[in-house]
């Protein structure tokens, strides 16, 4: 008996490889989050007194 050469040989034939599927429209619509700079964060918090830390 020859030694197995592929991982699929070790797993057995019951596992089948899944084909590539393109992302769904909902996933492709998502945008990366915007990171605020220090100046933008300060300006935002100046306009939102309810978000200031309680001291």
C-alpha atoms as a PDB file:
ATOM      1  CA  UNK A   1       0.000   0.000   0.000  1.00  0.00           C
ATOM      2  CA  UNK A   2       1.356   3.436  -0.951  1.00  0.00           C
ATOM      3  CA  UNK A   3       1.550   6.199   1.668  1.00  0.00           C
ATOM      4  CA  UNK A   4      -1.049   8.956   1.221  1.00  0.00           C
ATOM      5  CA  UNK A   5       0.183  12.050  -0.601  1.00  0.00           C
ATOM      6  CA  UNK A   6      -2.740  14.422  -0.125  1.00  0.00           C
ATOM      7  CA  UNK A   7      -4.739  15.541   2.874  1.00  0.00           C
ATOM      8  CA  UNK A   8      -7.921  14.406   1.125  1.00  0.00           C
ATOM      9  CA  UNK A   9      -6.461  10.892   1.038  1.00  0.00           C
ATOM     10  CA  UNK A  10      -6.185  10.939   4.823  1.00  0.00           C
ATOM     11  CA  UNK A  11      -9.681  12.331   5.340  1.00  0.00           C
ATOM     12  CA  UNK A  12     -11.359   9.821   3.093  1.00  0.00           C
ATOM     13  CA  UNK A  13     -13.537  10.131   0.026  1.00  0.00           C
ATOM     14  CA  UNK A  14     -16.667  11.230   1.919  1.00  0.00           C
ATOM     15  CA  UNK A  15     -15.380  14.817   2.159  1.00  0.00           C
ATOM     16  CA  UNK A  16     -15.897  16.650  -1.099  1.00  0.00           C
ATOM     17  CA  UNK A  17     -14.179  19.864  -2.007  1.00  0.00           C
ATOM     18  CA  UNK A  18     -16.498  22.843  -2.226  1.00  0.00           C
ATOM     19  CA  UNK A  19     -16.271  25.061  -5.237  1.00  0.00           C
ATOM     20  CA  UNK A  20     -15.633  28.781  -4.989  1.00  0.00           C
ATOM     21  CA  UNK A  21     -18.795  30.829  -4.689  1.00  0.00           C
ATOM     22  CA  UNK A  22     -18.743  34.580  -5.312  1.00  0.00           C
ATOM     23  CA  UNK A  23     -19.851  36.740  -2.379  1.00  0.00           C
ATOM     24  CA  UNK A  24     -23.525  37.463  -2.016  1.00  0.00           C
ATOM     25  CA  UNK A  25     -24.713  41.006  -2.814  1.00  0.00           C
ATOM     26  CA  UNK A  26     -25.131  41.813   0.893  1.00  0.00           C
ATOM     27  CA  UNK A  27     -21.511  40.922   1.652  1.00  0.00           C
ATOM     28  CA  UNK A  28     -20.140  42.802  -1.351  1.00  0.00           C
ATOM     29  CA  UNK A  29     -22.106  45.953  -0.363  1.00  0.00           C
ATOM     30  CA  UNK A  30     -20.434  46.217   3.034  1.00  0.00           C
ATOM     31  CA  UNK A  31     -17.857  48.981   3.318  1.00  0.00           C
ATOM     32  CA  UNK A  32     -14.914  49.114   5.710  1.00  0.00           C
ATOM     33  CA  UNK A  33     -15.410  51.284   8.769  1.00  0.00           C
ATOM     34  CA  UNK A  34     -13.990  54.798   8.841  1.00  0.00           C
ATOM     35  CA  UNK A  35     -11.366  55.517  11.477  1.00  0.00           C
ATOM     36  CA  UNK A  36     -11.540  59.071  12.795  1.00  0.00           C
ATOM     37  CA  UNK A  37      -8.417  61.152  13.170  1.00  0.00           C
ATOM     38  CA  UNK A  38      -7.722  62.878  16.487  1.00  0.00           C
ATOM     39  CA  UNK A  39      -9.039  66.196  15.137  1.00  0.00           C
ATOM     40  CA  UNK A  40     -12.206  64.600  13.728  1.00  0.00           C
ATOM     41  CA  UNK A  41     -12.836  62.750  17.001  1.00  0.00           C
ATOM     42  CA  UNK A  42     -12.415  65.955  19.026  1.00  0.00           C
ATOM     43  CA  UNK A  43     -14.801  67.847  16.731  1.00  0.00           C
ATOM     44  CA  UNK A  44     -17.373  65.049  16.941  1.00  0.00           C
ATOM     45  CA  UNK A  45     -17.233  64.864  20.731  1.00  0.00           C
ATOM     46  CA  UNK A  46     -17.470  68.674  20.972  1.00  0.00           C
ATOM     47  CA  UNK A  47     -20.823  68.478  19.170  1.00  0.00           C
ATOM     48  CA  UNK A  48     -22.080  65.612  21.375  1.00  0.00           C
ATOM     49  CA  UNK A  49     -22.069  66.650  25.057  1.00  0.00           C
ATOM     50  CA  UNK A  50     -24.014  63.498  25.958  1.00  0.00           C
ATOM     51  CA  UNK A  51     -20.970  61.381  24.998  1.00  0.00           C
ATOM     52  CA  UNK A  52     -18.459  63.176  27.209  1.00  0.00           C
ATOM     53  CA  UNK A  53     -16.996  61.035  30.000  1.00  0.00           C
ATOM     54  CA  UNK A  54     -18.692  61.514  33.378  1.00  0.00           C
ATOM     55  CA  UNK A  55     -16.336  62.887  36.010  1.00  0.00           C
END
